[in-house]
PDB file of N, CA and C in Angstrom:
ATOM      1  N   MET A   1     328.185 180.940 275.244  1.00  0.00           N
ATOM      2  CA  MET A   1     327.089 181.499 274.498  1.00  0.00           C
ATOM      3  C   MET A   1     327.251 181.632 273.028  1.00  0.00           C
ATOM      4  N   ILE A   2     328.503 182.160 272.653  1.00  0.00           N
ATOM      5  CA  ILE A   2     328.762 182.367 271.244  1.00  0.00           C
ATOM      6  C   ILE A   2     328.887 180.953 270.580  1.00  0.00           C
ATOM      7  N   ARG A   3     329.507 180.022 271.280  1.00  0.00           N
ATOM      8  CA  ARG A   3     329.644 178.612 270.524  1.00  0.00           C
ATOM      9  C   ARG A   3     328.216 178.112 270.494  1.00  0.00           C
ATOM     10  N   SER A   4     327.349 178.109 271.336  1.00  0.00           N
ATOM     11  CA  SER A   4     326.088 177.621 271.262  1.00  0.00           C
ATOM     12  C   SER A   4     325.379 178.207 270.087  1.00  0.00           C
ATOM     13  N   LEU A   5     325.447 179.534 270.016  1.00  0.00           N
ATOM     14  CA  LEU A   5     324.728 180.256 268.841  1.00  0.00           C
ATOM     15  C   LEU A   5     325.398 179.753 267.556  1.00  0.00           C
ATOM     16  N   ALA A   6     326.696 179.701 267.579  1.00  0.00           N
ATOM     17  CA  ALA A   6     327.389 179.128 266.229  1.00  0.00           C
ATOM     18  C   ALA A   6     326.904 177.668 265.979  1.00  0.00           C
ATOM     19  N   ALA A   7     326.644 176.845 267.025  1.00  0.00           N
ATOM     20  CA  ALA A   7     326.339 175.533 266.793  1.00  0.00           C
ATOM     21  C   ALA A   7     324.792 175.428 266.160  1.00  0.00           C
ATOM     22  N   VAL A   8     323.909 176.365 266.820  1.00  0.00           N
ATOM     23  CA  VAL A   8     322.569 176.378 266.314  1.00  0.00           C
ATOM     24  C   VAL A   8     322.534 176.955 264.894  1.00  0.00           C
ATOM     25  N   LEU A   9     323.241 177.875 264.544  1.00  0.00           N
ATOM     26  CA  LEU A   9     323.337 178.343 263.179  1.00  0.00           C
ATOM     27  C   LEU A   9     323.945 177.269 262.231  1.00  0.00           C
ATOM     28  N   ALA A  10     324.880 176.557 262.670  1.00  0.00           N
ATOM     29  CA  ALA A  10     325.503 175.613 261.824  1.00  0.00           C
ATOM     30  C   ALA A  10     324.495 174.380 261.421  1.00  0.00           C
ATOM     31  N   LEU A  11     323.798 173.976 262.546  1.00  0.00           N
ATOM     32  CA  LEU A  11     322.648 172.966 262.498  1.00  0.00           C
ATOM     33  C   LEU A  11     321.522 173.541 261.464  1.00  0.00           C
ATOM     34  N   THR A  12     321.107 174.712 261.682  1.00  0.00           N
ATOM     35  CA  THR A  12     320.057 175.309 260.876  1.00  0.00           C
ATOM     36  C   THR A  12     320.460 175.227 259.389  1.00  0.00           C
ATOM     37  N   LEU A  13     321.649 175.738 259.052  1.00  0.00           N
ATOM     38  CA  LEU A  13     322.215 175.836 257.778  1.00  0.00           C
ATOM     39  C   LEU A  13     322.298 174.410 257.135  1.00  0.00           C
ATOM     40  N   ALA A  14     322.757 173.521 257.950  1.00  0.00           N
ATOM     41  CA  ALA A  14     322.895 172.055 257.407  1.00  0.00           C
ATOM     42  C   ALA A  14     321.567 171.406 257.220  1.00  0.00           C
ATOM     43  N   ALA A  15     320.458 171.710 258.038  1.00  0.00           N
ATOM     44  CA  ALA A  15     319.089 171.125 257.883  1.00  0.00           C
ATOM     45  C   ALA A  15     318.395 171.814 256.581  1.00  0.00           C
ATOM     46  N   THR A  16     318.550 173.036 256.379  1.00  0.00           N
ATOM     47  CA  THR A  16     318.050 173.647 255.172  1.00  0.00           C
ATOM     48  C   THR A  16     318.782 173.321 253.907  1.00  0.00           C
ATOM     49  N   ALA A  17     320.011 172.972 253.964  1.00  0.00           N
ATOM     50  CA  ALA A  17     320.732 172.557 252.626  1.00  0.00           C
ATOM     51  C   ALA A  17     320.215 171.192 252.326  1.00  0.00           C
ATOM     52  N   CYS A  18     319.601 170.435 253.075  1.00  0.00           N
ATOM     53  CA  CYS A  18     319.159 169.068 252.822  1.00  0.00           C
ATOM     54  C   CYS A  18     317.735 169.054 252.203  1.00  0.00           C
ATOM     55  N   THR A  19     317.054 170.082 252.508  1.00  0.00           N
ATOM     56  CA  THR A  19     315.713 170.067 251.995  1.00  0.00           C
ATOM     57  C   THR A  19     315.625 170.472 250.602  1.00  0.00           C
ATOM     58  N   GLN A  20     314.518 170.047 249.883  1.00  0.00           N
ATOM     59  CA  GLN A  20     314.474 170.238 248.414  1.00  0.00           C
ATOM     60  C   GLN A  20     313.295 171.243 248.264  1.00  0.00           C
ATOM     61  N   ASN A  21     313.436 172.035 247.376  1.00  0.00           N
ATOM     62  CA  ASN A  21     312.427 173.004 247.045  1.00  0.00           C
ATOM     63  C   ASN A  21     311.342 172.404 246.159  1.00  0.00           C
ATOM     64  N   GLU A  22     310.168 171.962 246.682  1.00  0.00           N
ATOM     65  CA  GLU A  22     309.235 171.298 245.997  1.00  0.00           C
ATOM     66  C   GLU A  22     308.438 172.060 245.010  1.00  0.00           C
ATOM     67  N   ALA A  23     308.561 173.356 244.900  1.00  0.00           N
ATOM     68  CA  ALA A  23     307.867 174.153 243.961  1.00  0.00           C
ATOM     69  C   ALA A  23     308.585 174.250 242.661  1.00  0.00           C
ATOM     70  N   ALA A  24     309.858 173.972 242.668  1.00  0.00           N
ATOM     71  CA  ALA A  24     310.760 173.919 241.410  1.00  0.00           C
ATOM     72  C   ALA A  24     310.446 172.917 240.546  1.00  0.00           C
ATOM     73  N   PRO A  25     310.274 173.136 239.266  1.00  0.00           N
ATOM     74  CA  PRO A  25     309.926 171.945 238.365  1.00  0.00           C
ATOM     75  C   PRO A  25     310.990 171.134 238.047  1.00  0.00           C
ATOM     76  N   PRO A  26     310.919 169.935 237.518  1.00  0.00           N
ATOM     77  CA  PRO A  26     312.142 169.072 237.166  1.00  0.00           C
ATOM     78  C   PRO A  26     312.758 169.727 236.092  1.00  0.00           C
ATOM     79  N   PRO A  27     314.149 169.418 235.883  1.00  0.00           N
ATOM     80  CA  PRO A  27     314.884 169.955 234.730  1.00  0.00           C
ATOM     81  C   PRO A  27     314.116 169.700 233.357  1.00  0.00           C
ATOM     82  N   GLY A  28     314.201 170.649 232.550  1.00  0.00           N
ATOM     83  CA  GLY A  28     313.461 170.401 231.199  1.00  0.00           C
ATOM     84  C   GLY A  28     312.118 170.730 231.289  1.00  0.00           C
ATOM     85  N   GLN A  29     311.477 171.070 232.272  1.00  0.00           N
ATOM     86  CA  GLN A  29     309.940 171.194 232.458  1.00  0.00           C
ATOM     87  C   GLN A  29     309.698 172.617 233.016  1.00  0.00           C
ATOM     88  N   SER A  30     308.625 173.214 232.694  1.00  0.00           N
ATOM     89  CA  SER A  30     308.297 174.445 233.420  1.00  0.00           C
ATOM     90  C   SER A  30     307.063 174.353 234.066  1.00  0.00           C
ATOM     91  N   LYS A  31     306.507 175.274 234.863  1.00  0.00           N
ATOM     92  CA  LYS A  31     305.399 175.310 235.627  1.00  0.00           C
ATOM     93  C   LYS A  31     304.128 175.807 234.785  1.00  0.00           C
ATOM     94  N   ALA A  32     304.554 176.412 233.546  1.00  0.00           N
ATOM     95  CA  ALA A  32     303.577 176.987 232.657  1.00  0.00           C
ATOM     96  C   ALA A  32     302.735 175.760 231.931  1.00  0.00           C
ATOM     97  N   PRO A  33     301.472 176.094 231.679  1.00  0.00           N
ATOM     98  CA  PRO A  33     300.616 175.050 231.014  1.00  0.00           C
ATOM     99  C   PRO A  33     301.229 174.639 229.697  1.00  0.00           C
ATOM    100  N   ASP A  34     300.945 173.339 229.332  1.00  0.00           N
ATOM    101  CA  ASP A  34     301.500 172.953 228.148  1.00  0.00           C
ATOM    102  C   ASP A  34     300.612 173.257 226.956  1.00  0.00           C
ATOM    103  N   THR A  35     300.871 174.564 226.554  1.00  0.00           N
ATOM    104  CA  THR A  35     299.900 175.082 225.497  1.00  0.00           C
ATOM    105  C   THR A  35     300.413 174.939 224.061  1.00  0.00           C
ATOM    106  N   CYS A  36     301.416 174.249 223.934  1.00  0.00           N
ATOM    107  CA  CYS A  36     301.983 173.973 222.543  1.00  0.00           C
ATOM    108  C   CYS A  36     302.203 172.534 222.298  1.00  0.00           C
ATOM    109  N   GLY A  37     302.016 171.616 223.157  1.00  0.00           N
ATOM    110  CA  GLY A  37     302.071 170.220 222.990  1.00  0.00           C
ATOM    111  C   GLY A  37     303.587 169.648 223.244  1.00  0.00           C
ATOM    112  N   ALA A  38     304.317 170.331 224.139  1.00  0.00           N
ATOM    113  CA  ALA A  38     305.627 169.902 224.370  1.00  0.00           C
ATOM    114  C   ALA A  38     305.731 168.729 225.009  1.00  0.00           C
ATOM    115  N   ALA A  39     304.746 168.410 225.939  1.00  0.00           N
ATOM    116  CA  ALA A  39     304.745 167.135 226.719  1.00  0.00           C
ATOM    117  C   ALA A  39     304.676 165.908 225.999  1.00  0.00           C
ATOM    118  N   ALA A  40     304.081 165.935 224.891  1.00  0.00           N
ATOM    119  CA  ALA A  40     303.985 164.772 223.985  1.00  0.00           C
ATOM    120  C   ALA A  40     305.306 164.504 223.208  1.00  0.00           C
ATOM    121  N   LEU A  41     306.271 165.481 223.088  1.00  0.00           N
ATOM    122  CA  LEU A  41     307.493 165.358 222.320  1.00  0.00           C
ATOM    123  C   LEU A  41     308.660 165.400 223.178  1.00  0.00           C
ATOM    124  N   GLN A  42     308.531 165.183 224.570  1.00  0.00           N
ATOM    125  CA  GLN A  42     309.537 165.100 225.505  1.00  0.00           C
ATOM    126  C   GLN A  42     310.603 164.007 225.114  1.00  0.00           C
ATOM    127  N   GLY A  43     309.995 162.928 224.535  1.00  0.00           N
ATOM    128  CA  GLY A  43     310.735 161.901 224.244  1.00  0.00           C
ATOM    129  C   GLY A  43     311.868 162.064 223.221  1.00  0.00           C
ATOM    130  N   LEU A  44     311.806 163.310 222.671  1.00  0.00           N
ATOM    131  CA  LEU A  44     312.832 163.537 221.615  1.00  0.00           C
ATOM    132  C   LEU A  44     314.152 164.050 222.199  1.00  0.00           C
ATOM    133  N   VAL A  45     314.113 164.383 223.496  1.00  0.00           N
ATOM    134  CA  VAL A  45     315.318 164.999 224.089  1.00  0.00           C
ATOM    135  C   VAL A  45     316.308 163.779 224.310  1.00  0.00           C
ATOM    136  N   GLY A  46     317.580 164.135 223.829  1.00  0.00           N
ATOM    137  CA  GLY A  46     318.468 163.116 223.834  1.00  0.00           C
ATOM    138  C   GLY A  46     318.648 162.253 222.541  1.00  0.00           C
ATOM    139  N   ARG A  47     317.627 162.499 221.633  1.00  0.00           N
ATOM    140  CA  ARG A  47     317.666 161.713 220.301  1.00  0.00           C
ATOM    141  C   ARG A  47     318.240 162.589 219.128  1.00  0.00           C
ATOM    142  N   PRO A  48     318.594 161.977 218.150  1.00  0.00           N
ATOM    143  CA  PRO A  48     319.035 162.761 216.940  1.00  0.00           C
ATOM    144  C   PRO A  48     317.937 163.641 216.302  1.00  0.00           C
ATOM    145  N   LYS A  49     318.403 164.855 215.821  1.00  0.00           N
ATOM    146  CA  LYS A  49     317.373 165.852 215.331  1.00  0.00           C
ATOM    147  C   LYS A  49     316.578 165.133 214.035  1.00  0.00           C
ATOM    148  N   THR A  50     317.127 164.115 213.433  1.00  0.00           N
ATOM    149  CA  THR A  50     316.523 163.508 212.360  1.00  0.00           C
ATOM    150  C   THR A  50     315.323 162.753 212.694  1.00  0.00           C
ATOM    151  N   GLU A  51     315.102 162.478 214.027  1.00  0.00           N
ATOM    152  CA  GLU A  51     313.839 161.826 214.556  1.00  0.00           C
ATOM    153  C   GLU A  51     312.780 162.860 214.917  1.00  0.00           C
ATOM    154  N   ILE A  52     313.003 164.221 214.559  1.00  0.00           N
ATOM    155  CA  ILE A  52     311.845 165.198 214.874  1.00  0.00           C
ATOM    156  C   ILE A  52     310.929 164.915 213.844  1.00  0.00           C
ATOM    157  N   PRO A  53     309.605 164.785 214.143  1.00  0.00           N
ATOM    158  CA  PRO A  53     308.543 164.467 213.160  1.00  0.00           C
ATOM    159  C   PRO A  53     308.218 165.796 212.426  1.00  0.00           C
ATOM    160  N   VAL A  54     307.634 165.522 211.210  1.00  0.00           N
ATOM    161  CA  VAL A  54     307.332 166.629 210.335  1.00  0.00           C
ATOM    162  C   VAL A  54     306.057 167.400 210.883  1.00  0.00           C
ATOM    163  N   ALA A  55     306.216 168.710 210.965  1.00  0.00           N
ATOM    164  CA  ALA A  55     305.162 169.399 211.615  1.00  0.00           C
ATOM    165  C   ALA A  55     303.898 169.387 210.747  1.00  0.00           C
ATOM    166  N   THR A  56     302.775 169.183 211.347  1.00  0.00           N
ATOM    167  CA  THR A  56     301.426 169.458 210.742  1.00  0.00           C
ATOM    168  C   THR A  56     301.010 170.901 210.667  1.00  0.00           C
ATOM    169  N   THR A  57     301.520 171.671 211.650  1.00  0.00           N
ATOM    170  CA  THR A  57     301.345 173.114 211.738  1.00  0.00           C
ATOM    171  C   THR A  57     302.690 173.807 211.782  1.00  0.00           C
ATOM    172  N   PRO A  58     303.360 173.951 210.744  1.00  0.00           N
ATOM    173  CA  PRO A  58     304.730 174.367 210.836  1.00  0.00           C
ATOM    174  C   PRO A  58     304.854 175.878 211.339  1.00  0.00           C
ATOM    175  N   GLY A  59     303.751 176.665 211.092  1.00  0.00           N
ATOM    176  CA  GLY A  59     303.743 178.043 211.754  1.00  0.00           C
ATOM    177  C   GLY A  59     303.942 178.029 213.295  1.00  0.00           C
ATOM    178  N   ASN A  60     303.528 176.997 213.942  1.00  0.00           N
ATOM    179  CA  ASN A  60     303.593 176.914 215.442  1.00  0.00           C
ATOM    180  C   ASN A  60     304.782 176.145 215.982  1.00  0.00           C
ATOM    181  N   ARG A  61     305.755 175.785 215.015  1.00  0.00           N
ATOM    182  CA  ARG A  61     306.901 175.163 215.539  1.00  0.00           C
ATOM    183  C   ARG A  61     308.275 175.730 214.987  1.00  0.00           C
ATOM    184  N   ARG A  62     309.034 175.763 215.942  1.00  0.00           N
ATOM    185  CA  ARG A  62     310.468 176.299 215.606  1.00  0.00           C
ATOM    186  C   ARG A  62     311.595 175.370 216.048  1.00  0.00           C
ATOM    187  N   VAL A  63     312.401 174.873 214.963  1.00  0.00           N
ATOM    188  CA  VAL A  63     313.410 173.981 215.312  1.00  0.00           C
ATOM    189  C   VAL A  63     314.724 174.740 215.077  1.00  0.00           C
ATOM    190  N   SER A  64     315.628 174.855 216.056  1.00  0.00           N
ATOM    191  CA  SER A  64     316.742 175.622 215.956  1.00  0.00           C
ATOM    192  C   SER A  64     317.916 174.969 216.781  1.00  0.00           C
ATOM    193  N   CYS A  65     319.160 175.362 216.548  1.00  0.00           N
ATOM    194  CA  CYS A  65     320.304 174.843 217.098  1.00  0.00           C
ATOM    195  C   CYS A  65     320.519 175.797 218.368  1.00  0.00           C
ATOM    196  N   THR A  66     321.385 175.075 219.275  1.00  0.00           N
ATOM    197  CA  THR A  66     321.827 175.975 220.458  1.00  0.00           C
ATOM    198  C   THR A  66     322.478 177.273 220.263  1.00  0.00           C
ATOM    199  N   THR A  67     323.111 177.375 219.065  1.00  0.00           N
ATOM    200  CA  THR A  67     323.890 178.615 218.882  1.00  0.00           C
ATOM    201  C   THR A  67     323.207 179.442 217.682  1.00  0.00           C
ATOM    202  N   CYS A  68     322.112 178.956 217.200  1.00  0.00           N
ATOM    203  CA  CYS A  68     321.297 179.654 216.034  1.00  0.00           C
ATOM    204  C   CYS A  68     320.817 180.968 216.630  1.00  0.00           C
ATOM    205  N   PRO A  69     320.678 181.997 216.060  1.00  0.00           N
ATOM    206  CA  PRO A  69     320.008 183.244 216.347  1.00  0.00           C
ATOM    207  C   PRO A  69     318.456 182.963 216.044  1.00  0.00           C
ATOM    208  N   VAL A  70     317.662 183.303 217.108  1.00  0.00           N
ATOM    209  CA  VAL A  70     316.176 183.229 217.091  1.00  0.00           C
ATOM    210  C   VAL A  70     315.656 184.683 217.817  1.00  0.00           C
ATOM    211  N   THR A  71     314.367 184.785 217.347  1.00  0.00           N
ATOM    212  CA  THR A  71     313.893 185.919 217.921  1.00  0.00           C
ATOM    213  C   THR A  71     313.371 185.627 219.385  1.00  0.00           C
ATOM    214  N   MET A  72     313.327 186.637 220.220  1.00  0.00           N
ATOM    215  CA  MET A  72     313.061 186.551 221.755  1.00  0.00           C
ATOM    216  C   MET A  72     311.598 186.667 222.106  1.00  0.00           C
ATOM    217  N   ASP A  73     310.799 186.833 221.012  1.00  0.00           N
ATOM    218  CA  ASP A  73     309.345 186.937 221.513  1.00  0.00           C
ATOM    219  C   ASP A  73     308.867 185.566 222.032  1.00  0.00           C
ATOM    220  N   TYR A  74     307.915 185.681 222.954  1.00  0.00           N
ATOM    221  CA  TYR A  74     307.270 184.665 223.564  1.00  0.00           C
ATOM    222  C   TYR A  74     306.049 184.346 223.045  1.00  0.00           C
ATOM    223  N   ARG A  75     305.680 183.146 222.443  1.00  0.00           N
ATOM    224  CA  ARG A  75     304.531 182.834 221.981  1.00  0.00           C
ATOM    225  C   ARG A  75     304.183 181.402 222.726  1.00  0.00           C
ATOM    226  N   PRO A  76     303.119 181.355 223.585  1.00  0.00           N
ATOM    227  CA  PRO A  76     302.911 180.118 224.295  1.00  0.00           C
ATOM    228  C   PRO A  76     302.427 178.955 223.513  1.00  0.00           C
ATOM    229  N   GLU A  77     301.860 179.301 222.255  1.00  0.00           N
ATOM    230  CA  GLU A  77     301.335 178.241 221.375  1.00  0.00           C
ATOM    231  C   GLU A  77     302.364 177.762 220.470  1.00  0.00           C
ATOM    232  N   ARG A  78     303.679 178.340 220.441  1.00  0.00           N
ATOM    233  CA  ARG A  78     304.811 177.754 219.633  1.00  0.00           C
ATOM    234  C   ARG A  78     305.504 176.821 220.285  1.00  0.00           C
ATOM    235  N   LEU A  79     305.876 175.696 219.576  1.00  0.00           N
ATOM    236  CA  LEU A  79     306.687 174.592 220.148  1.00  0.00           C
ATOM    237  C   LEU A  79     308.146 174.871 219.589  1.00  0.00           C
ATOM    238  N   ASN A  80     309.093 174.803 220.616  1.00  0.00           N
ATOM    239  CA  ASN A  80     310.561 175.104 220.342  1.00  0.00           C
ATOM    240  C   ASN A  80     311.243 173.842 220.564  1.00  0.00           C
ATOM    241  N   ILE A  81     311.914 173.335 219.610  1.00  0.00           N
ATOM    242  CA  ILE A  81     312.811 172.144 219.597  1.00  0.00           C
ATOM    243  C   ILE A  81     314.228 172.543 219.411  1.00  0.00           C
ATOM    244  N   VAL A  82     315.089 172.488 220.419  1.00  0.00           N
ATOM    245  CA  VAL A  82     316.358 173.124 220.284  1.00  0.00           C
ATOM    246  C   VAL A  82     317.320 171.846 220.261  1.00  0.00           C
ATOM    247  N   PHE A  83     318.335 171.753 219.272  1.00  0.00           N
ATOM    248  CA  PHE A  83     319.245 170.537 219.111  1.00  0.00           C
ATOM    249  C   PHE A  83     320.656 171.304 219.299  1.00  0.00           C
ATOM    250  N   ASP A  84     321.689 170.512 219.700  1.00  0.00           N
ATOM    251  CA  ASP A  84     323.068 170.847 219.717  1.00  0.00           C
ATOM    252  C   ASP A  84     323.474 170.926 218.243  1.00  0.00           C
ATOM    253  N   GLU A  85     324.165 171.994 217.971  1.00  0.00           N
ATOM    254  CA  GLU A  85     324.667 172.064 216.583  1.00  0.00           C
ATOM    255  C   GLU A  85     325.691 171.094 216.209  1.00  0.00           C
ATOM    256  N   GLU A  86     326.649 170.854 217.024  1.00  0.00           N
ATOM    257  CA  GLU A  86     327.650 169.904 216.815  1.00  0.00           C
ATOM    258  C   GLU A  86     327.327 168.503 216.684  1.00  0.00           C
ATOM    259  N   THR A  87     326.267 168.054 217.632  1.00  0.00           N
ATOM    260  CA  THR A  87     326.114 166.608 217.769  1.00  0.00           C
ATOM    261  C   THR A  87     324.794 166.289 217.088  1.00  0.00           C
ATOM    262  N   GLY A  88     323.925 167.303 216.860  1.00  0.00           N
ATOM    263  CA  GLY A  88     322.538 166.912 216.297  1.00  0.00           C
ATOM    264  C   GLY A  88     321.571 166.388 217.194  1.00  0.00           C
ATOM    265  N   ILE A  89     321.970 166.483 218.637  1.00  0.00           N
ATOM    266  CA  ILE A  89     321.127 165.802 219.425  1.00  0.00           C
ATOM    267  C   ILE A  89     320.181 166.913 220.085  1.00  0.00           C
ATOM    268  N   VAL A  90     318.919 166.505 220.180  1.00  0.00           N
ATOM    269  CA  VAL A  90     317.781 167.389 220.721  1.00  0.00           C
ATOM    270  C   VAL A  90     318.131 167.611 222.315  1.00  0.00           C
ATOM    271  N   LYS A  91     318.271 168.889 222.696  1.00  0.00           N
ATOM    272  CA  LYS A  91     318.519 169.179 223.998  1.00  0.00           C
ATOM    273  C   LYS A  91     317.349 169.607 224.778  1.00  0.00           C
ATOM    274  N   THR A  92     316.349 170.530 224.238  1.00  0.00           N
ATOM    275  CA  THR A  92     315.089 170.829 224.926  1.00  0.00           C
ATOM    276  C   THR A  92     313.976 170.938 223.931  1.00  0.00           C
ATOM    277  N   VAL A  93     312.834 170.619 224.673  1.00  0.00           N
ATOM    278  CA  VAL A  93     311.522 170.709 223.849  1.00  0.00           C
ATOM    279  C   VAL A  93     310.528 171.447 224.752  1.00  0.00           C
ATOM    280  N   LYS A  94     310.180 172.721 224.486  1.00  0.00           N
ATOM    281  CA  LYS A  94     309.442 173.622 225.268  1.00  0.00           C
ATOM    282  C   LYS A  94     308.417 174.532 224.439  1.00  0.00           C
ATOM    283  N   CYS A  95     307.567 175.115 225.276  1.00  0.00           N
ATOM    284  CA  CYS A  95     306.664 176.089 224.712  1.00  0.00           C
ATOM    285  C   CYS A  95     307.341 177.433 224.711  1.00  0.00           C
ATOM    286  N   GLY A  96     306.911 178.322 223.761  1.00  0.00           N
ATOM    287  CA  GLY A  96     307.546 179.661 223.801  1.00  0.00           C
ATOM    288  C   GLY A  96     307.807 180.125 222.432  1.00  0.00           C
TER     289      GLY A  96
END
C-alpha cells in the first residue's frame, strides 16, 4: 500500500514537473499593457547602448545602468532602458 502510494506520488510529481505555466510571460516581457512603447524597442536588447535612439519625449524615458541608483516609483508611461555598466549592452526594455 505504501509503495503504491509512493509510486502514485512520484508519478504525479514527475507529470507536474513537465508541464509549463502558460500564464507566465516570456522572459523580458510582462503581462501589463505596453503603455510606454517598449514593444517597439525590444530589438535593442543585446545591442550596444550607443544604438539607443534619441528620445522625442525625454521626460518619458529613463536610460540607466544595471548598478545605477534610480527611483522606485512606477510610472506606466515611462520607458526604462537598462544596460550593463561594464559591457554597455542593453539588458531590458520595459515600462515603469
